[in-house]
Every structure is written in C-alpha cells, then in structure tokens.
PDB file of all heavy atoms in Angstrom:
ATOM      1  N   SER A   1       0.801  -1.207  -0.003  1.00  0.00           N
ATOM      2  CA  SER A   1       0.015   0.034  -0.023  1.00  0.00           C
ATOM      3  C   SER A   1       0.920   1.248  -0.043  1.00  0.00           C
ATOM      4  O   SER A   1       0.562   2.265  -0.652  1.00  0.00           O
ATOM      5  CB  SER A   1      -0.944  -0.025   1.226  1.00  0.00           C
ATOM      6  OG  SER A   1      -1.755   1.103   1.199  1.00  0.00           O
ATOM      7  N   ALA A   2       1.980   1.269   0.678  1.00  0.00           N
ATOM      8  CA  ALA A   2       2.885   2.349   0.762  1.00  0.00           C
ATOM      9  C   ALA A   2       3.381   2.713  -0.639  1.00  0.00           C
ATOM     10  O   ALA A   2       3.543   3.890  -1.064  1.00  0.00           O
ATOM     11  CB  ALA A   2       4.072   2.149   1.741  1.00  0.00           C
ATOM     12  N   LEU A   3       3.687   1.660  -1.448  1.00  0.00           N
ATOM     13  CA  LEU A   3       4.167   1.871  -2.798  1.00  0.00           C
ATOM     14  C   LEU A   3       3.095   2.520  -3.565  1.00  0.00           C
ATOM     15  O   LEU A   3       3.353   3.509  -4.365  1.00  0.00           O
ATOM     16  CB  LEU A   3       4.534   0.454  -3.425  1.00  0.00           C
ATOM     17  CG  LEU A   3       5.145   0.562  -4.850  1.00  0.00           C
ATOM     18  CD1 LEU A   3       6.073  -0.566  -5.093  1.00  0.00           C
ATOM     19  CD2 LEU A   3       3.905   0.495  -5.903  1.00  0.00           C
ATOM     20  N   PHE A   4       1.825   2.031  -3.553  1.00  0.00           N
ATOM     21  CA  PHE A   4       0.785   2.651  -4.318  1.00  0.00           C
ATOM     22  C   PHE A   4       0.468   4.029  -3.956  1.00  0.00           C
ATOM     23  O   PHE A   4      -0.013   4.903  -4.637  1.00  0.00           O
ATOM     24  CB  PHE A   4      -0.392   1.681  -4.368  1.00  0.00           C
ATOM     25  CG  PHE A   4      -0.286   0.551  -5.347  1.00  0.00           C
ATOM     26  CD1 PHE A   4      -0.097  -0.741  -4.935  1.00  0.00           C
ATOM     27  CD2 PHE A   4      -0.288   0.822  -6.793  1.00  0.00           C
ATOM     28  CE1 PHE A   4       0.067  -1.789  -5.735  1.00  0.00           C
ATOM     29  CE2 PHE A   4      -0.165  -0.351  -7.605  1.00  0.00           C
ATOM     30  CZ  PHE A   4       0.027  -1.643  -7.072  1.00  0.00           C
ATOM     31  N   MET A   5       0.540   4.286  -2.568  1.00  0.00           N
ATOM     32  CA  MET A   5       0.229   5.572  -2.114  1.00  0.00           C
ATOM     33  C   MET A   5       1.230   6.655  -2.627  1.00  0.00           C
ATOM     34  O   MET A   5       0.916   7.787  -3.018  1.00  0.00           O
ATOM     35  CB  MET A   5       0.289   5.610  -0.595  1.00  0.00           C
ATOM     36  CG  MET A   5      -0.924   4.997   0.068  1.00  0.00           C
ATOM     37  SD  MET A   5      -0.742   4.863   1.870  1.00  0.00           S
ATOM     38  CE  MET A   5      -0.635   6.545   2.371  1.00  0.00           C
ATOM     39  N   ALA A   6       2.521   6.210  -2.774  1.00  0.00           N
ATOM     40  CA  ALA A   6       3.534   7.066  -3.287  1.00  0.00           C
ATOM     41  C   ALA A   6       3.317   7.307  -4.873  1.00  0.00           C
ATOM     42  O   ALA A   6       3.463   8.381  -5.330  1.00  0.00           O
ATOM     43  CB  ALA A   6       4.951   6.478  -3.157  1.00  0.00           C
ATOM     44  N   LEU A   7       2.762   6.290  -5.534  1.00  0.00           N
ATOM     45  CA  LEU A   7       2.404   6.472  -6.952  1.00  0.00           C
ATOM     46  C   LEU A   7       1.189   7.433  -7.145  1.00  0.00           C
ATOM     47  O   LEU A   7       1.241   8.268  -8.057  1.00  0.00           O
ATOM     48  CB  LEU A   7       2.035   5.175  -7.557  1.00  0.00           C
ATOM     49  CG  LEU A   7       3.078   4.037  -7.702  1.00  0.00           C
ATOM     50  CD1 LEU A   7       2.619   2.709  -8.018  1.00  0.00           C
ATOM     51  CD2 LEU A   7       4.178   4.474  -8.787  1.00  0.00           C
ATOM     52  N   VAL A   8       0.257   7.334  -6.167  1.00  0.00           N
ATOM     53  CA  VAL A   8      -0.941   8.288  -6.250  1.00  0.00           C
ATOM     54  C   VAL A   8      -0.426   9.642  -5.952  1.00  0.00           C
ATOM     55  O   VAL A   8      -0.781  10.652  -6.624  1.00  0.00           O
ATOM     56  CB  VAL A   8      -1.931   7.842  -5.318  1.00  0.00           C
ATOM     57  CG1 VAL A   8      -3.077   8.903  -5.199  1.00  0.00           C
ATOM     58  CG2 VAL A   8      -2.582   6.504  -5.754  1.00  0.00           C
ATOM     59  N   LYS A   9       0.380   9.837  -4.928  1.00  0.00           N
ATOM     60  CA  LYS A   9       0.837  11.125  -4.377  1.00  0.00           C
ATOM     61  C   LYS A   9       1.672  11.805  -5.589  1.00  0.00           C
ATOM     62  O   LYS A   9       1.600  13.095  -5.714  1.00  0.00           O
ATOM     63  CB  LYS A   9       1.773  10.931  -3.250  1.00  0.00           C
ATOM     64  CG  LYS A   9       2.252  12.276  -2.632  1.00  0.00           C
ATOM     65  CD  LYS A   9       3.080  12.025  -1.387  1.00  0.00           C
ATOM     66  CE  LYS A   9       3.659  13.246  -0.761  1.00  0.00           C
ATOM     67  NZ  LYS A   9       4.392  13.088   0.457  1.00  0.00           N
ATOM     68  N   ASN A  10       2.485  11.057  -6.366  1.00  0.00           N
ATOM     69  CA  ASN A  10       3.141  11.622  -7.444  1.00  0.00           C
ATOM     70  C   ASN A  10       2.509  11.836  -8.841  1.00  0.00           C
ATOM     71  O   ASN A  10       3.063  12.003  -9.850  1.00  0.00           O
ATOM     72  CB  ASN A  10       4.458  10.791  -7.611  1.00  0.00           C
ATOM     73  CG  ASN A  10       5.525  11.056  -6.633  1.00  0.00           C
ATOM     74  OD1 ASN A  10       6.347  11.897  -6.699  1.00  0.00           O
ATOM     75  ND2 ASN A  10       5.327  10.255  -5.501  1.00  0.00           N
ATOM     76  N   GLY A  11       1.141  11.502  -8.778  1.00  0.00           N
ATOM     77  CA  GLY A  11       0.266  11.705 -10.002  1.00  0.00           C
ATOM     78  C   GLY A  11       0.379  10.575 -10.970  1.00  0.00           C
ATOM     79  O   GLY A  11       0.110  10.792 -12.228  1.00  0.00           O
ATOM     80  N   ILE A  12       1.030   9.485 -10.673  1.00  0.00           N
ATOM     81  CA  ILE A  12       1.268   8.451 -11.666  1.00  0.00           C
ATOM     82  C   ILE A  12       0.004   7.603 -11.743  1.00  0.00           C
ATOM     83  O   ILE A  12      -0.325   7.018 -12.785  1.00  0.00           O
ATOM     84  CB  ILE A  12       2.420   7.547 -11.199  1.00  0.00           C
ATOM     85  CG1 ILE A  12       3.747   8.448 -11.234  1.00  0.00           C
ATOM     86  CG2 ILE A  12       2.648   6.356 -12.165  1.00  0.00           C
ATOM     87  CD1 ILE A  12       4.928   7.831 -10.491  1.00  0.00           C
ATOM     88  N   LEU A  13      -0.723   7.354 -10.613  1.00  0.00           N
ATOM     89  CA  LEU A  13      -1.873   6.580 -10.677  1.00  0.00           C
ATOM     90  C   LEU A  13      -3.100   7.529  -9.943  1.00  0.00           C
ATOM     91  O   LEU A  13      -2.744   8.262  -9.200  1.00  0.00           O
ATOM     92  CB  LEU A  13      -1.841   5.300  -9.819  1.00  0.00           C
ATOM     93  CG  LEU A  13      -0.995   4.150 -10.433  1.00  0.00           C
ATOM     94  CD1 LEU A  13      -0.838   2.929  -9.473  1.00  0.00           C
ATOM     95  CD2 LEU A  13      -1.487   3.718 -11.857  1.00  0.00           C
ATOM     96  N   LEU A  14      -4.236   7.184 -10.193  1.00  0.00           N
ATOM     97  CA  LEU A  14      -5.408   7.886  -9.647  1.00  0.00           C
ATOM     98  C   LEU A  14      -5.845   7.332  -8.297  1.00  0.00           C
ATOM     99  O   LEU A  14      -6.334   8.142  -7.523  1.00  0.00           O
ATOM    100  CB  LEU A  14      -6.577   7.940 -10.624  1.00  0.00           C
ATOM    101  CG  LEU A  14      -6.299   8.709 -11.863  1.00  0.00           C
ATOM    102  CD1 LEU A  14      -7.517   8.673 -12.825  1.00  0.00           C
ATOM    103  CD2 LEU A  14      -5.989  10.222 -11.605  1.00  0.00           C
ATOM    104  N   GLN A  15      -5.691   5.988  -8.086  1.00  0.00           N
ATOM    105  CA  GLN A  15      -6.135   5.547  -6.899  1.00  0.00           C
ATOM    106  C   GLN A  15      -5.200   4.271  -6.435  1.00  0.00           C
ATOM    107  O   GLN A  15      -4.508   3.719  -7.288  1.00  0.00           O
ATOM    108  CB  GLN A  15      -7.571   5.063  -6.954  1.00  0.00           C
ATOM    109  CG  GLN A  15      -7.809   3.918  -8.024  1.00  0.00           C
ATOM    110  CD  GLN A  15      -9.325   3.604  -8.096  1.00  0.00           C
ATOM    111  OE1 GLN A  15     -10.158   4.121  -7.488  1.00  0.00           O
ATOM    112  NE2 GLN A  15      -9.628   2.637  -8.992  1.00  0.00           N
ATOM    113  N   ASN A  16      -5.252   4.013  -5.216  1.00  0.00           N
ATOM    114  CA  ASN A  16      -4.577   2.864  -4.653  1.00  0.00           C
ATOM    115  C   ASN A  16      -5.356   1.557  -4.571  1.00  0.00           C
ATOM    116  O   ASN A  16      -6.340   1.560  -3.886  1.00  0.00           O
ATOM    117  CB  ASN A  16      -4.069   3.340  -3.141  1.00  0.00           C
ATOM    118  CG  ASN A  16      -3.396   2.204  -2.441  1.00  0.00           C
ATOM    119  OD1 ASN A  16      -3.119   1.092  -2.934  1.00  0.00           O
ATOM    120  ND2 ASN A  16      -2.951   2.487  -1.274  1.00  0.00           N
ATOM    121  N   PRO A  17      -5.009   0.645  -5.424  1.00  0.00           N
ATOM    122  CA  PRO A  17      -5.860  -0.646  -5.449  1.00  0.00           C
ATOM    123  C   PRO A  17      -5.861  -1.469  -4.184  1.00  0.00           C
ATOM    124  O   PRO A  17      -6.662  -2.323  -3.995  1.00  0.00           O
ATOM    125  CB  PRO A  17      -5.282  -1.402  -6.550  1.00  0.00           C
ATOM    126  CG  PRO A  17      -3.895  -0.991  -6.660  1.00  0.00           C
ATOM    127  CD  PRO A  17      -3.866   0.519  -6.287  1.00  0.00           C
ATOM    128  N   VAL A  18      -4.919  -1.171  -3.295  1.00  0.00           N
ATOM    129  CA  VAL A  18      -4.853  -1.873  -2.040  1.00  0.00           C
ATOM    130  C   VAL A  18      -5.941  -1.537  -1.104  1.00  0.00           C
ATOM    131  O   VAL A  18      -6.507  -2.229  -0.276  1.00  0.00           O
ATOM    132  CB  VAL A  18      -3.434  -1.762  -1.322  1.00  0.00           C
ATOM    133  CG1 VAL A  18      -3.469  -2.554  -0.096  1.00  0.00           C
ATOM    134  CG2 VAL A  18      -2.448  -2.271  -2.280  1.00  0.00           C
ATOM    135  N   VAL A  19      -6.425  -0.188  -1.211  1.00  0.00           N
ATOM    136  CA  VAL A  19      -7.498   0.358  -0.288  1.00  0.00           C
ATOM    137  C   VAL A  19      -8.717  -0.521  -0.367  1.00  0.00           C
ATOM    138  O   VAL A  19      -9.349  -0.826   0.664  1.00  0.00           O
ATOM    139  CB  VAL A  19      -7.749   1.777  -0.626  1.00  0.00           C
ATOM    140  CG1 VAL A  19      -8.898   2.379   0.170  1.00  0.00           C
ATOM    141  CG2 VAL A  19      -6.563   2.707  -0.391  1.00  0.00           C
ATOM    142  N   ASN A  20      -9.194  -0.910  -1.532  1.00  0.00           N
ATOM    143  CA  ASN A  20     -10.374  -1.558  -1.733  1.00  0.00           C
ATOM    144  C   ASN A  20     -10.305  -3.160  -1.716  1.00  0.00           C
ATOM    145  O   ASN A  20     -11.293  -3.818  -1.926  1.00  0.00           O
ATOM    146  CB  ASN A  20     -11.164  -0.991  -2.959  1.00  0.00           C
ATOM    147  CG  ASN A  20     -11.597   0.290  -2.862  1.00  0.00           C
ATOM    148  OD1 ASN A  20     -12.036   0.769  -1.752  1.00  0.00           O
ATOM    149  ND2 ASN A  20     -11.408   1.132  -3.953  1.00  0.00           N
ATOM    150  N   ALA A  21      -9.104  -3.588  -1.604  1.00  0.00           N
ATOM    151  CA  ALA A  21      -8.857  -5.025  -1.615  1.00  0.00           C
ATOM    152  C   ALA A  21      -9.256  -5.603  -0.277  1.00  0.00           C
ATOM    153  O   ALA A  21      -9.311  -4.827   0.806  1.00  0.00           O
ATOM    154  CB  ALA A  21      -7.369  -5.405  -1.835  1.00  0.00           C
ATOM    155  N   ILE A  22      -9.618  -6.954  -0.148  1.00  0.00           N
ATOM    156  CA  ILE A  22      -9.953  -7.515   1.108  1.00  0.00           C
ATOM    157  C   ILE A  22      -8.660  -7.960   1.890  1.00  0.00           C
ATOM    158  O   ILE A  22      -7.933  -8.786   1.179  1.00  0.00           O
ATOM    159  CB  ILE A  22     -10.926  -8.780   0.861  1.00  0.00           C
ATOM    160  CG1 ILE A  22     -12.166  -8.242   0.139  1.00  0.00           C
ATOM    161  CG2 ILE A  22     -11.233  -9.478   2.237  1.00  0.00           C
ATOM    162  CD1 ILE A  22     -13.093  -9.337  -0.272  1.00  0.00           C
ATOM    163  N   LYS A  23      -8.455  -7.550   2.970  1.00  0.00           N
ATOM    164  CA  LYS A  23      -7.228  -7.762   3.692  1.00  0.00           C
ATOM    165  C   LYS A  23      -7.353  -8.926   4.731  1.00  0.00           C
ATOM    166  O   LYS A  23      -8.494  -9.105   5.207  1.00  0.00           O
ATOM    167  CB  LYS A  23      -6.566  -6.447   4.356  1.00  0.00           C
ATOM    168  CG  LYS A  23      -6.447  -5.446   3.387  1.00  0.00           C
ATOM    169  CD  LYS A  23      -6.651  -4.062   3.875  1.00  0.00           C
ATOM    170  CE  LYS A  23      -6.498  -2.986   2.831  1.00  0.00           C
ATOM    171  NZ  LYS A  23      -7.803  -2.725   2.188  1.00  0.00           N
ATOM    172  N   PRO A  24      -6.302  -9.588   5.038  1.00  0.00           N
ATOM    173  CA  PRO A  24      -6.444 -10.636   6.080  1.00  0.00           C
ATOM    174  C   PRO A  24      -6.881 -10.101   7.421  1.00  0.00           C
ATOM    175  O   PRO A  24      -6.390  -8.992   7.874  1.00  0.00           O
ATOM    176  CB  PRO A  24      -5.009 -11.273   6.139  1.00  0.00           C
ATOM    177  CG  PRO A  24      -4.110 -10.254   5.605  1.00  0.00           C
ATOM    178  CD  PRO A  24      -4.939  -9.418   4.602  1.00  0.00           C
ATOM    179  N   ARG A  25      -7.723 -10.890   8.099  1.00  0.00           N
ATOM    180  CA  ARG A  25      -8.192 -10.377   9.324  1.00  0.00           C
ATOM    181  C   ARG A  25      -7.143 -10.849  10.435  1.00  0.00           C
ATOM    182  O   ARG A  25      -6.825 -12.062  10.418  1.00  0.00           O
ATOM    183  CB  ARG A  25      -9.600 -10.971   9.669  1.00  0.00           C
ATOM    184  CG  ARG A  25     -10.126 -10.559  10.949  1.00  0.00           C
ATOM    185  CD  ARG A  25     -11.535 -11.118  11.181  1.00  0.00           C
ATOM    186  NE  ARG A  25     -12.069 -10.752  12.536  1.00  0.00           N
ATOM    187  CZ  ARG A  25     -13.247 -11.135  12.941  1.00  0.00           C
ATOM    188  NH1 ARG A  25     -14.004 -11.870  12.230  1.00  0.00           N
ATOM    189  NH2 ARG A  25     -13.559 -10.710  14.108  1.00  0.00           N
ATOM    190  N   ILE A  26      -6.769  -9.942  11.301  1.00  0.00           N
ATOM    191  CA  ILE A  26      -5.897 -10.318  12.481  1.00  0.00           C
ATOM    192  C   ILE A  26      -6.717 -10.315  13.706  1.00  0.00           C
ATOM    193  O   ILE A  26      -7.293  -9.224  14.058  1.00  0.00           O
ATOM    194  CB  ILE A  26      -4.734  -9.336  12.389  1.00  0.00           C
ATOM    195  CG1 ILE A  26      -3.925  -9.308  11.177  1.00  0.00           C
ATOM    196  CG2 ILE A  26      -3.774  -9.754  13.550  1.00  0.00           C
ATOM    197  CD1 ILE A  26      -2.843  -8.385  11.066  1.00  0.00           C
TER     198      ILE A  26
END
C-alpha cells in the first residue's frame, strides 16, 4: 500500500488498489 500511495501522491496513478482489496483479518 505504501508503494501505491507514493504512486498516487506523485500523480502516476489515480487510486490505490490496495485500499479496496480484502485484507487478512488479524
């Protein structure tokens, strides 16, 4: 997610695909 957030912040992508993914429950 940190990688995709950096991509969004630098205008390379419009959204972070990890945000809407289903994550493992801890």
